[in-house]
Amino acid sequence: ELELQGYYVIKLTKTNKNGIPDVLAIAPG
């Protein structure tokens, strides 16, 4: 859905902070 809306989507699997949401979506701009 997010990709169809034009977002660049990254599935976060491991970060330096526990509890960070699963998906990061970046729109143009």
mmCIF file of all heavy atoms, coordinates in Angstrom:
data_MODEL
# 
_entry.id   MODEL 
# 
loop_
_atom_site.group_PDB 
_atom_site.id 
_atom_site.type_symbol 
_atom_site.label_atom_id 
_atom_site.label_alt_id 
_atom_site.label_comp_id 
_atom_site.label_asym_id 
_atom_site.label_entity_id 
_atom_site.label_seq_id 
_atom_site.pdbx_PDB_ins_code 
_atom_site.Cartn_x 
_atom_site.Cartn_y 
_atom_site.Cartn_z 
_atom_site.occupancy 
_atom_site.B_iso_or_equiv 
_atom_site.pdbx_formal_charge 
_atom_site.auth_seq_id 
_atom_site.auth_comp_id 
_atom_site.auth_asym_id 
_atom_site.auth_atom_id 
_atom_site.pdbx_PDB_model_num 
ATOM 1   N N   . GLU A 1 1  ? 0.832  -1.207 0.000  1.00 0.00 ? 1  GLU A N   1 
ATOM 2   C CA  . GLU A 1 1  ? 0.000  0.000  0.000  1.00 0.00 ? 1  GLU A CA  1 
ATOM 3   C C   . GLU A 1 1  ? 0.866  1.256  0.000  1.00 0.00 ? 1  GLU A C   1 
ATOM 4   O O   . GLU A 1 1  ? 0.619  2.190  -0.762 1.00 0.00 ? 1  GLU A O   1 
ATOM 5   C CB  . GLU A 1 1  ? -0.913 0.022  1.222  1.00 0.00 ? 1  GLU A CB  1 
ATOM 6   C CG  . GLU A 1 1  ? -2.038 -0.978 1.217  1.00 0.00 ? 1  GLU A CG  1 
ATOM 7   C CD  . GLU A 1 1  ? -2.802 -1.030 2.528  1.00 0.00 ? 1  GLU A CD  1 
ATOM 8   O OE1 . GLU A 1 1  ? -2.410 -0.364 3.512  1.00 0.00 ? 1  GLU A OE1 1 
ATOM 9   O OE2 . GLU A 1 1  ? -3.809 -1.755 2.568  1.00 0.00 ? 1  GLU A OE2 1 
ATOM 10  N N   . LEU A 1 2  ? 1.867  1.271  0.869  1.00 0.00 ? 2  LEU A N   1 
ATOM 11  C CA  . LEU A 1 2  ? 2.734  2.444  0.971  1.00 0.00 ? 2  LEU A CA  1 
ATOM 12  C C   . LEU A 1 2  ? 3.527  2.661  -0.318 1.00 0.00 ? 2  LEU A C   1 
ATOM 13  O O   . LEU A 1 2  ? 3.676  3.801  -0.779 1.00 0.00 ? 2  LEU A O   1 
ATOM 14  C CB  . LEU A 1 2  ? 3.676  2.300  2.168  1.00 0.00 ? 2  LEU A CB  1 
ATOM 15  C CG  . LEU A 1 2  ? 3.005  2.429  3.537  1.00 0.00 ? 2  LEU A CG  1 
ATOM 16  C CD1 . LEU A 1 2  ? 3.943  1.946  4.641  1.00 0.00 ? 2  LEU A CD1 1 
ATOM 17  C CD2 . LEU A 1 2  ? 2.552  3.856  3.790  1.00 0.00 ? 2  LEU A CD2 1 
ATOM 18  N N   . GLU A 1 3  ? 4.024  1.576  -0.909 1.00 0.00 ? 3  GLU A N   1 
ATOM 19  C CA  . GLU A 1 3  ? 4.776  1.704  -2.162 1.00 0.00 ? 3  GLU A CA  1 
ATOM 20  C C   . GLU A 1 3  ? 3.881  2.233  -3.283 1.00 0.00 ? 3  GLU A C   1 
ATOM 21  O O   . GLU A 1 3  ? 4.328  3.054  -4.089 1.00 0.00 ? 3  GLU A O   1 
ATOM 22  C CB  . GLU A 1 3  ? 5.410  0.366  -2.538 1.00 0.00 ? 3  GLU A CB  1 
ATOM 23  C CG  . GLU A 1 3  ? 6.577  0.023  -1.645 1.00 0.00 ? 3  GLU A CG  1 
ATOM 24  C CD  . GLU A 1 3  ? 7.197  -1.338 -1.896 1.00 0.00 ? 3  GLU A CD  1 
ATOM 25  O OE1 . GLU A 1 3  ? 6.527  -2.226 -2.471 1.00 0.00 ? 3  GLU A OE1 1 
ATOM 26  O OE2 . GLU A 1 3  ? 8.359  -1.506 -1.510 1.00 0.00 ? 3  GLU A OE2 1 
ATOM 27  N N   . LEU A 1 4  ? 2.624  1.816  -3.320 1.00 0.00 ? 4  LEU A N   1 
ATOM 28  C CA  . LEU A 1 4  ? 1.688  2.338  -4.318 1.00 0.00 ? 4  LEU A CA  1 
ATOM 29  C C   . LEU A 1 4  ? 1.424  3.828  -4.116 1.00 0.00 ? 4  LEU A C   1 
ATOM 30  O O   . LEU A 1 4  ? 1.103  4.547  -5.062 1.00 0.00 ? 4  LEU A O   1 
ATOM 31  C CB  . LEU A 1 4  ? 0.372  1.561  -4.278 1.00 0.00 ? 4  LEU A CB  1 
ATOM 32  C CG  . LEU A 1 4  ? 0.413  0.164  -4.889 1.00 0.00 ? 4  LEU A CG  1 
ATOM 33  C CD1 . LEU A 1 4  ? -0.901 -0.587 -4.629 1.00 0.00 ? 4  LEU A CD1 1 
ATOM 34  C CD2 . LEU A 1 4  ? 0.683  0.232  -6.392 1.00 0.00 ? 4  LEU A CD2 1 
ATOM 35  N N   . GLN A 1 5  ? 1.569  4.292  -2.882 1.00 0.00 ? 5  GLN A N   1 
ATOM 36  C CA  . GLN A 1 5  ? 1.395  5.720  -2.571 1.00 0.00 ? 5  GLN A CA  1 
ATOM 37  C C   . GLN A 1 5  ? 2.669  6.520  -2.847 1.00 0.00 ? 5  GLN A C   1 
ATOM 38  O O   . GLN A 1 5  ? 2.706  7.728  -2.621 1.00 0.00 ? 5  GLN A O   1 
ATOM 39  C CB  . GLN A 1 5  ? 0.982  5.892  -1.117 1.00 0.00 ? 5  GLN A CB  1 
ATOM 40  C CG  . GLN A 1 5  ? -0.389 5.340  -0.793 1.00 0.00 ? 5  GLN A CG  1 
ATOM 41  C CD  . GLN A 1 5  ? -0.689 5.381  0.699  1.00 0.00 ? 5  GLN A CD  1 
ATOM 42  O OE1 . GLN A 1 5  ? -0.179 6.216  1.441  1.00 0.00 ? 5  GLN A OE1 1 
ATOM 43  N NE2 . GLN A 1 5  ? -1.515 4.447  1.155  1.00 0.00 ? 5  GLN A NE2 1 
ATOM 44  N N   . GLY A 1 6  ? 3.731  5.855  -3.310 1.00 0.00 ? 6  GLY A N   1 
ATOM 45  C CA  . GLY A 1 6  ? 4.963  6.547  -3.662 1.00 0.00 ? 6  GLY A CA  1 
ATOM 46  C C   . GLY A 1 6  ? 6.043  6.556  -2.592 1.00 0.00 ? 6  GLY A C   1 
ATOM 47  O O   . GLY A 1 6  ? 7.079  7.184  -2.765 1.00 0.00 ? 6  GLY A O   1 
ATOM 48  N N   . TYR A 1 7  ? 5.819  5.877  -1.490 1.00 0.00 ? 7  TYR A N   1 
ATOM 49  C CA  . TYR A 1 7  ? 6.816  5.816  -0.431 1.00 0.00 ? 7  TYR A CA  1 
ATOM 50  C C   . TYR A 1 7  ? 7.950  4.858  -0.801 1.00 0.00 ? 7  TYR A C   1 
ATOM 51  O O   . TYR A 1 7  ? 7.736  3.867  -1.492 1.00 0.00 ? 7  TYR A O   1 
ATOM 52  C CB  . TYR A 1 7  ? 6.194  5.306  0.878  1.00 0.00 ? 7  TYR A CB  1 
ATOM 53  C CG  . TYR A 1 7  ? 5.381  6.311  1.640  1.00 0.00 ? 7  TYR A CG  1 
ATOM 54  C CD1 . TYR A 1 7  ? 4.024  6.469  1.400  1.00 0.00 ? 7  TYR A CD1 1 
ATOM 55  C CD2 . TYR A 1 7  ? 5.966  7.096  2.635  1.00 0.00 ? 7  TYR A CD2 1 
ATOM 56  C CE1 . TYR A 1 7  ? 3.267  7.382  2.124  1.00 0.00 ? 7  TYR A CE1 1 
ATOM 57  C CE2 . TYR A 1 7  ? 5.223  8.006  3.363  1.00 0.00 ? 7  TYR A CE2 1 
ATOM 58  C CZ  . TYR A 1 7  ? 3.874  8.148  3.097  1.00 0.00 ? 7  TYR A CZ  1 
ATOM 59  O OH  . TYR A 1 7  ? 3.129  9.050  3.821  1.00 0.00 ? 7  TYR A OH  1 
ATOM 60  N N   . TYR A 1 8  ? 9.144  5.174  -0.330 1.00 0.00 ? 8  TYR A N   1 
ATOM 61  C CA  . TYR A 1 8  ? 10.286 4.256  -0.353 1.00 0.00 ? 8  TYR A CA  1 
ATOM 62  C C   . TYR A 1 8  ? 10.227 3.542  0.995  1.00 0.00 ? 8  TYR A C   1 
ATOM 63  O O   . TYR A 1 8  ? 10.312 4.185  2.045  1.00 0.00 ? 8  TYR A O   1 
ATOM 64  C CB  . TYR A 1 8  ? 11.583 5.049  -0.512 1.00 0.00 ? 8  TYR A CB  1 
ATOM 65  C CG  . TYR A 1 8  ? 12.824 4.208  -0.537 1.00 0.00 ? 8  TYR A CG  1 
ATOM 66  C CD1 . TYR A 1 8  ? 13.198 3.526  -1.687 1.00 0.00 ? 8  TYR A CD1 1 
ATOM 67  C CD2 . TYR A 1 8  ? 13.625 4.088  0.592  1.00 0.00 ? 8  TYR A CD2 1 
ATOM 68  C CE1 . TYR A 1 8  ? 14.345 2.754  -1.720 1.00 0.00 ? 8  TYR A CE1 1 
ATOM 69  C CE2 . TYR A 1 8  ? 14.768 3.318  0.571  1.00 0.00 ? 8  TYR A CE2 1 
ATOM 70  C CZ  . TYR A 1 8  ? 15.122 2.658  -0.582 1.00 0.00 ? 8  TYR A CZ  1 
ATOM 71  O OH  . TYR A 1 8  ? 16.259 1.884  -0.615 1.00 0.00 ? 8  TYR A OH  1 
ATOM 72  N N   . VAL A 1 9  ? 10.049 2.221  0.984  1.00 0.00 ? 9  VAL A N   1 
ATOM 73  C CA  . VAL A 1 9  ? 9.744  1.482  2.207  1.00 0.00 ? 9  VAL A CA  1 
ATOM 74  C C   . VAL A 1 9  ? 10.904 0.573  2.610  1.00 0.00 ? 9  VAL A C   1 
ATOM 75  O O   . VAL A 1 9  ? 11.454 -0.147 1.781  1.00 0.00 ? 9  VAL A O   1 
ATOM 76  C CB  . VAL A 1 9  ? 8.459  0.637  2.030  1.00 0.00 ? 9  VAL A CB  1 
ATOM 77  C CG1 . VAL A 1 9  ? 8.121  -0.101 3.310  1.00 0.00 ? 9  VAL A CG1 1 
ATOM 78  C CG2 . VAL A 1 9  ? 7.296  1.521  1.600  1.00 0.00 ? 9  VAL A CG2 1 
ATOM 79  N N   . ILE A 1 10 ? 11.238 0.628  3.895  1.00 0.00 ? 10 ILE A N   1 
ATOM 80  C CA  . ILE A 1 10 ? 12.303 -0.203 4.465  1.00 0.00 ? 10 ILE A CA  1 
ATOM 81  C C   . ILE A 1 10 ? 11.719 -0.994 5.628  1.00 0.00 ? 10 ILE A C   1 
ATOM 82  O O   . ILE A 1 10 ? 11.126 -0.419 6.546  1.00 0.00 ? 10 ILE A O   1 
ATOM 83  C CB  . ILE A 1 10 ? 13.468 0.663  4.975  1.00 0.00 ? 10 ILE A CB  1 
ATOM 84  C CG1 . ILE A 1 10 ? 14.048 1.498  3.837  1.00 0.00 ? 10 ILE A CG1 1 
ATOM 85  C CG2 . ILE A 1 10 ? 14.551 -0.209 5.618  1.00 0.00 ? 10 ILE A CG2 1 
ATOM 86  C CD1 . ILE A 1 10 ? 14.984 2.589  4.302  1.00 0.00 ? 10 ILE A CD1 1 
ATOM 87  N N   . LYS A 1 11 ? 11.880 -2.312 5.584  1.00 0.00 ? 11 LYS A N   1 
ATOM 88  C CA  . LYS A 1 11 ? 11.487 -3.186 6.695  1.00 0.00 ? 11 LYS A CA  1 
ATOM 89  C C   . LYS A 1 11 ? 12.643 -3.208 7.681  1.00 0.00 ? 11 LYS A C   1 
ATOM 90  O O   . LYS A 1 11 ? 13.741 -3.638 7.352  1.00 0.00 ? 11 LYS A O   1 
ATOM 91  C CB  . LYS A 1 11 ? 11.173 -4.592 6.155  1.00 0.00 ? 11 LYS A CB  1 
ATOM 92  C CG  . LYS A 1 11 ? 11.157 -5.700 7.193  1.00 0.00 ? 11 LYS A CG  1 
ATOM 93  C CD  . LYS A 1 11 ? 10.005 -5.590 8.153  1.00 0.00 ? 11 LYS A CD  1 
ATOM 94  C CE  . LYS A 1 11 ? 9.955  -6.798 9.056  1.00 0.00 ? 11 LYS A CE  1 
ATOM 95  N NZ  . LYS A 1 11 ? 10.414 -6.584 10.396 1.00 0.00 ? 11 LYS A NZ  1 
ATOM 96  N N   . LEU A 1 12 ? 12.408 -2.722 8.878  1.00 0.00 ? 12 LEU A N   1 
ATOM 97  C CA  . LEU A 1 12 ? 13.455 -2.682 9.893  1.00 0.00 ? 12 LEU A CA  1 
ATOM 98  C C   . LEU A 1 12 ? 13.474 -4.009 10.648 1.00 0.00 ? 12 LEU A C   1 
ATOM 99  O O   . LEU A 1 12 ? 12.467 -4.422 11.214 1.00 0.00 ? 12 LEU A O   1 
ATOM 100 C CB  . LEU A 1 12 ? 13.201 -1.522 10.856 1.00 0.00 ? 12 LEU A CB  1 
ATOM 101 C CG  . LEU A 1 12 ? 13.169 -0.141 10.205 1.00 0.00 ? 12 LEU A CG  1 
ATOM 102 C CD1 . LEU A 1 12 ? 12.743 0.913  11.215 1.00 0.00 ? 12 LEU A CD1 1 
ATOM 103 C CD2 . LEU A 1 12 ? 14.509 0.206  9.598  1.00 0.00 ? 12 LEU A CD2 1 
ATOM 104 N N   . THR A 1 13 ? 14.618 -4.661 10.640 1.00 0.00 ? 13 THR A N   1 
ATOM 105 C CA  . THR A 1 13 ? 14.711 -5.945 11.331 1.00 0.00 ? 13 THR A CA  1 
ATOM 106 C C   . THR A 1 13 ? 15.551 -5.853 12.596 1.00 0.00 ? 13 THR A C   1 
ATOM 107 O O   . THR A 1 13 ? 15.276 -6.546 13.562 1.00 0.00 ? 13 THR A O   1 
ATOM 108 C CB  . THR A 1 13 ? 15.301 -7.034 10.411 1.00 0.00 ? 13 THR A CB  1 
ATOM 109 O OG1 . THR A 1 13 ? 16.562 -6.584 9.914  1.00 0.00 ? 13 THR A OG1 1 
ATOM 110 C CG2 . THR A 1 13 ? 14.367 -7.320 9.250  1.00 0.00 ? 13 THR A CG2 1 
ATOM 111 N N   . LYS A 1 14 ? 16.558 -5.002 12.589 1.00 0.00 ? 14 LYS A N   1 
ATOM 112 C CA  . LYS A 1 14 ? 17.401 -4.848 13.773 1.00 0.00 ? 14 LYS A CA  1 
ATOM 113 C C   . LYS A 1 14 ? 17.865 -3.403 13.834 1.00 0.00 ? 14 LYS A C   1 
ATOM 114 O O   . LYS A 1 14 ? 18.392 -2.879 12.862 1.00 0.00 ? 14 LYS A O   1 
ATOM 115 C CB  . LYS A 1 14 ? 18.593 -5.792 13.700 1.00 0.00 ? 14 LYS A CB  1 
ATOM 116 C CG  . LYS A 1 14 ? 19.419 -5.783 14.949 1.00 0.00 ? 14 LYS A CG  1 
ATOM 117 C CD  . LYS A 1 14 ? 20.393 -6.934 14.965 1.00 0.00 ? 14 LYS A CD  1 
ATOM 118 C CE  . LYS A 1 14 ? 21.207 -6.829 16.226 1.00 0.00 ? 14 LYS A CE  1 
ATOM 119 N NZ  . LYS A 1 14 ? 21.351 -8.074 16.903 1.00 0.00 ? 14 LYS A NZ  1 
ATOM 120 N N   . THR A 1 15 ? 17.624 -2.778 14.972 1.00 0.00 ? 15 THR A N   1 
ATOM 121 C CA  . THR A 1 15 ? 18.056 -1.391 15.163 1.00 0.00 ? 15 THR A CA  1 
ATOM 122 C C   . THR A 1 15 ? 18.809 -1.286 16.481 1.00 0.00 ? 15 THR A C   1 
ATOM 123 O O   . THR A 1 15 ? 18.842 -2.233 17.266 1.00 0.00 ? 15 THR A O   1 
ATOM 124 C CB  . THR A 1 15 ? 16.848 -0.423 15.194 1.00 0.00 ? 15 THR A CB  1 
ATOM 125 O OG1 . THR A 1 15 ? 16.101 -0.656 16.384 1.00 0.00 ? 15 THR A OG1 1 
ATOM 126 C CG2 . THR A 1 15 ? 15.948 -0.606 13.975 1.00 0.00 ? 15 THR A CG2 1 
ATOM 127 N N   . ASN A 1 16 ? 19.359 -0.127 16.738 1.00 0.00 ? 16 ASN A N   1 
ATOM 128 C CA  . ASN A 1 16 ? 20.068 0.086  17.999 1.00 0.00 ? 16 ASN A CA  1 
ATOM 129 C C   . ASN A 1 16 ? 19.114 0.427  19.147 1.00 0.00 ? 16 ASN A C   1 
ATOM 130 O O   . ASN A 1 16 ? 19.548 0.605  20.272 1.00 0.00 ? 16 ASN A O   1 
ATOM 131 C CB  . ASN A 1 16 ? 21.121 1.183  17.843 1.00 0.00 ? 16 ASN A CB  1 
ATOM 132 C CG  . ASN A 1 16 ? 20.513 2.538  17.575 1.00 0.00 ? 16 ASN A CG  1 
ATOM 133 O OD1 . ASN A 1 16 ? 19.499 2.641  16.889 1.00 0.00 ? 16 ASN A OD1 1 
ATOM 134 N ND2 . ASN A 1 16 ? 21.120 3.580  18.099 1.00 0.00 ? 16 ASN A ND2 1 
ATOM 135 N N   . LYS A 1 17 ? 17.819 0.513  18.843 1.00 0.00 ? 17 LYS A N   1 
ATOM 136 C CA  . LYS A 1 17 ? 16.815 0.817  19.872 1.00 0.00 ? 17 LYS A CA  1 
ATOM 137 C C   . LYS A 1 17 ? 15.702 -0.218 19.798 1.00 0.00 ? 17 LYS A C   1 
ATOM 138 O O   . LYS A 1 17 ? 15.004 -0.327 18.794 1.00 0.00 ? 17 LYS A O   1 
ATOM 139 C CB  . LYS A 1 17 ? 16.230 2.209  19.646 1.00 0.00 ? 17 LYS A CB  1 
ATOM 140 C CG  . LYS A 1 17 ? 17.238 3.327  19.838 1.00 0.00 ? 17 LYS A CG  1 
ATOM 141 C CD  . LYS A 1 17 ? 16.554 4.675  19.753 1.00 0.00 ? 17 LYS A CD  1 
ATOM 142 C CE  . LYS A 1 17 ? 17.528 5.823  19.799 1.00 0.00 ? 17 LYS A CE  1 
ATOM 143 N NZ  . LYS A 1 17 ? 18.238 5.957  21.039 1.00 0.00 ? 17 LYS A NZ  1 
ATOM 144 N N   . ASN A 1 18 ? 15.517 -0.961 20.867 1.00 0.00 ? 18 ASN A N   1 
ATOM 145 C CA  . ASN A 1 18 ? 14.407 -1.915 20.931 1.00 0.00 ? 18 ASN A CA  1 
ATOM 146 C C   . ASN A 1 18 ? 13.083 -1.159 20.906 1.00 0.00 ? 18 ASN A C   1 
ATOM 147 O O   . ASN A 1 18 ? 12.988 -0.046 21.413 1.00 0.00 ? 18 ASN A O   1 
ATOM 148 C CB  . ASN A 1 18 ? 14.494 -2.764 22.192 1.00 0.00 ? 18 ASN A CB  1 
ATOM 149 C CG  . ASN A 1 18 ? 15.684 -3.696 22.190 1.00 0.00 ? 18 ASN A CG  1 
ATOM 150 O OD1 . ASN A 1 18 ? 16.168 -4.085 21.134 1.00 0.00 ? 18 ASN A OD1 1 
ATOM 151 N ND2 . ASN A 1 18 ? 16.156 -4.055 23.364 1.00 0.00 ? 18 ASN A ND2 1 
ATOM 152 N N   . GLY A 1 19 ? 12.062 -1.769 20.311 1.00 0.00 ? 19 GLY A N   1 
ATOM 153 C CA  . GLY A 1 19 ? 10.738 -1.176 20.294 1.00 0.00 ? 19 GLY A CA  1 
ATOM 154 C C   . GLY A 1 19 ? 10.462 -0.256 19.123 1.00 0.00 ? 19 GLY A C   1 
ATOM 155 O O   . GLY A 1 19 ? 9.356  0.275  19.008 1.00 0.00 ? 19 GLY A O   1 
ATOM 156 N N   . ILE A 1 20 ? 11.455 -0.050 18.248 1.00 0.00 ? 20 ILE A N   1 
ATOM 157 C CA  . ILE A 1 20 ? 11.238 0.800  17.070 1.00 0.00 ? 20 ILE A CA  1 
ATOM 158 C C   . ILE A 1 20 ? 10.235 0.096  16.150 1.00 0.00 ? 20 ILE A C   1 
ATOM 159 O O   . ILE A 1 20 ? 10.281 -1.121 15.993 1.00 0.00 ? 20 ILE A O   1 
ATOM 160 C CB  . ILE A 1 20 ? 12.583 1.067  16.343 1.00 0.00 ? 20 ILE A CB  1 
ATOM 161 C CG1 . ILE A 1 20 ? 13.453 2.008  17.181 1.00 0.00 ? 20 ILE A CG1 1 
ATOM 162 C CG2 . ILE A 1 20 ? 12.379 1.639  14.949 1.00 0.00 ? 20 ILE A CG2 1 
ATOM 163 C CD1 . ILE A 1 20 ? 12.938 3.419  17.305 1.00 0.00 ? 20 ILE A CD1 1 
ATOM 164 N N   . PRO A 1 21 ? 9.321  0.847  15.509 1.00 0.00 ? 21 PRO A N   1 
ATOM 165 C CA  . PRO A 1 21 ? 8.332  0.238  14.624 1.00 0.00 ? 21 PRO A CA  1 
ATOM 166 C C   . PRO A 1 21 ? 8.960  -0.608 13.510 1.00 0.00 ? 21 PRO A C   1 
ATOM 167 O O   . PRO A 1 21 ? 10.125 -0.442 13.159 1.00 0.00 ? 21 PRO A O   1 
ATOM 168 C CB  . PRO A 1 21 ? 7.582  1.445  14.046 1.00 0.00 ? 21 PRO A CB  1 
ATOM 169 C CG  . PRO A 1 21 ? 7.709  2.478  15.113 1.00 0.00 ? 21 PRO A CG  1 
ATOM 170 C CD  . PRO A 1 21 ? 9.090  2.286  15.676 1.00 0.00 ? 21 PRO A CD  1 
ATOM 171 N N   . ASP A 1 22 ? 8.130  -1.482 12.943 1.00 0.00 ? 22 ASP A N   1 
ATOM 172 C CA  . ASP A 1 22 ? 8.573  -2.480 11.971 1.00 0.00 ? 22 ASP A CA  1 
ATOM 173 C C   . ASP A 1 22 ? 8.963  -1.910 10.614 1.00 0.00 ? 22 ASP A C   1 
ATOM 174 O O   . ASP A 1 22 ? 9.835  -2.446 9.941  1.00 0.00 ? 22 ASP A O   1 
ATOM 175 C CB  . ASP A 1 22 ? 7.450  -3.499 11.736 1.00 0.00 ? 22 ASP A CB  1 
ATOM 176 C CG  . ASP A 1 22 ? 7.000  -4.168 13.016 1.00 0.00 ? 22 ASP A CG  1 
ATOM 177 O OD1 . ASP A 1 22 ? 7.854  -4.756 13.697 1.00 0.00 ? 22 ASP A OD1 1 
ATOM 178 O OD2 . ASP A 1 22 ? 5.800  -4.095 13.330 1.00 0.00 ? 22 ASP A OD2 1 
ATOM 179 N N   . VAL A 1 23 ? 8.285  -0.847 10.190 1.00 0.00 ? 23 VAL A N   1 
ATOM 180 C CA  . VAL A 1 23 ? 8.440  -0.351 8.827  1.00 0.00 ? 23 VAL A CA  1 
ATOM 181 C C   . VAL A 1 23 ? 8.742  1.143  8.848  1.00 0.00 ? 23 VAL A C   1 
ATOM 182 O O   . VAL A 1 23 ? 8.098  1.908  9.578  1.00 0.00 ? 23 VAL A O   1 
ATOM 183 C CB  . VAL A 1 23 ? 7.147  -0.624 8.009  1.00 0.00 ? 23 VAL A CB  1 
ATOM 184 C CG1 . VAL A 1 23 ? 7.228  -0.002 6.628  1.00 0.00 ? 23 VAL A CG1 1 
ATOM 185 C CG2 . VAL A 1 23 ? 6.887  -2.121 7.909  1.00 0.00 ? 23 VAL A CG2 1 
ATOM 186 N N   . LEU A 1 24 ? 9.699  1.541  8.015  1.00 0.00 ? 24 LEU A N   1 
ATOM 187 C CA  . LEU A 1 24 ? 10.031 2.946  7.798  1.00 0.00 ? 24 LEU A CA  1 
ATOM 188 C C   . LEU A 1 24 ? 9.651  3.277  6.370  1.00 0.00 ? 24 LEU A C   1 
ATOM 189 O O   . LEU A 1 24 ? 10.085 2.595  5.434  1.00 0.00 ? 24 LEU A O   1 
ATOM 190 C CB  . LEU A 1 24 ? 11.530 3.181  8.024  1.00 0.00 ? 24 LEU A CB  1 
ATOM 191 C CG  . LEU A 1 24 ? 12.118 4.500  7.558  1.00 0.00 ? 24 LEU A CG  1 
ATOM 192 C CD1 . LEU A 1 24 ? 11.487 5.671  8.305  1.00 0.00 ? 24 LEU A CD1 1 
ATOM 193 C CD2 . LEU A 1 24 ? 13.624 4.502  7.736  1.00 0.00 ? 24 LEU A CD2 1 
ATOM 194 N N   . ALA A 1 25 ? 8.824  4.301  6.180  1.00 0.00 ? 25 ALA A N   1 
ATOM 195 C CA  . ALA A 1 25 ? 8.387  4.712  4.844  1.00 0.00 ? 25 ALA A CA  1 
ATOM 196 C C   . ALA A 1 25 ? 8.756  6.177  4.634  1.00 0.00 ? 25 ALA A C   1 
ATOM 197 O O   . ALA A 1 25 ? 8.447  7.026  5.467  1.00 0.00 ? 25 ALA A O   1 
ATOM 198 C CB  . ALA A 1 25 ? 6.887  4.510  4.701  1.00 0.00 ? 25 ALA A CB  1 
ATOM 199 N N   . ILE A 1 26 ? 9.427  6.446  3.507  1.00 0.00 ? 26 ILE A N   1 
ATOM 200 C CA  . ILE A 1 26 ? 9.875  7.802  3.192  1.00 0.00 ? 26 ILE A CA  1 
ATOM 201 C C   . ILE A 1 26 ? 9.220  8.232  1.890  1.00 0.00 ? 26 ILE A C   1 
ATOM 202 O O   . ILE A 1 26 ? 9.385  7.583  0.856  1.00 0.00 ? 26 ILE A O   1 
ATOM 203 C CB  . ILE A 1 26 ? 11.413 7.858  3.056  1.00 0.00 ? 26 ILE A CB  1 
ATOM 204 C CG1 . ILE A 1 26 ? 12.077 7.290  4.314  1.00 0.00 ? 26 ILE A CG1 1 
ATOM 205 C CG2 . ILE A 1 26 ? 11.871 9.286  2.782  1.00 0.00 ? 26 ILE A CG2 1 
ATOM 206 C CD1 . ILE A 1 26 ? 13.553 7.001  4.167  1.00 0.00 ? 26 ILE A CD1 1 
ATOM 207 N N   . ALA A 1 27 ? 8.487  9.337  1.959  1.00 0.00 ? 27 ALA A N   1 
ATOM 208 C CA  . ALA A 1 27 ? 7.814  9.870  0.768  1.00 0.00 ? 27 ALA A CA  1 
ATOM 209 C C   . ALA A 1 27 ? 8.747  10.854 0.063  1.00 0.00 ? 27 ALA A C   1 
ATOM 210 O O   . ALA A 1 27 ? 9.672  11.395 0.681  1.00 0.00 ? 27 ALA A O   1 
ATOM 211 C CB  . ALA A 1 27 ? 6.529  10.573 1.178  1.00 0.00 ? 27 ALA A CB  1 
ATOM 212 N N   . PRO A 1 28 ? 8.505  11.097 -1.226 1.00 0.00 ? 28 PRO A N   1 
ATOM 213 C CA  . PRO A 1 28 ? 9.253  12.153 -1.899 1.00 0.00 ? 28 PRO A CA  1 
ATOM 214 C C   . PRO A 1 28 ? 9.125  13.455 -1.100 1.00 0.00 ? 28 PRO A C   1 
ATOM 215 O O   . PRO A 1 28 ? 8.051  13.768 -0.594 1.00 0.00 ? 28 PRO A O   1 
ATOM 216 C CB  . PRO A 1 28 ? 8.571  12.262 -3.262 1.00 0.00 ? 28 PRO A CB  1 
ATOM 217 C CG  . PRO A 1 28 ? 7.966  10.913 -3.483 1.00 0.00 ? 28 PRO A CG  1 
ATOM 218 C CD  . PRO A 1 28 ? 7.543  10.444 -2.113 1.00 0.00 ? 28 PRO A CD  1 
ATOM 219 N N   . GLY A 1 29 ? 10.214 14.161 -0.932 1.00 0.00 ? 29 GLY A N   1 
ATOM 220 C CA  . GLY A 1 29 ? 10.194 15.368 -0.122 1.00 0.00 ? 29 GLY A CA  1 
ATOM 221 C C   . GLY A 1 29 ? 10.526 15.090 1.334  1.00 0.00 ? 29 GLY A C   1 
ATOM 222 O O   . GLY A 1 29 ? 10.420 15.953 2.175  1.00 0.00 ? 29 GLY A O   1 
# 
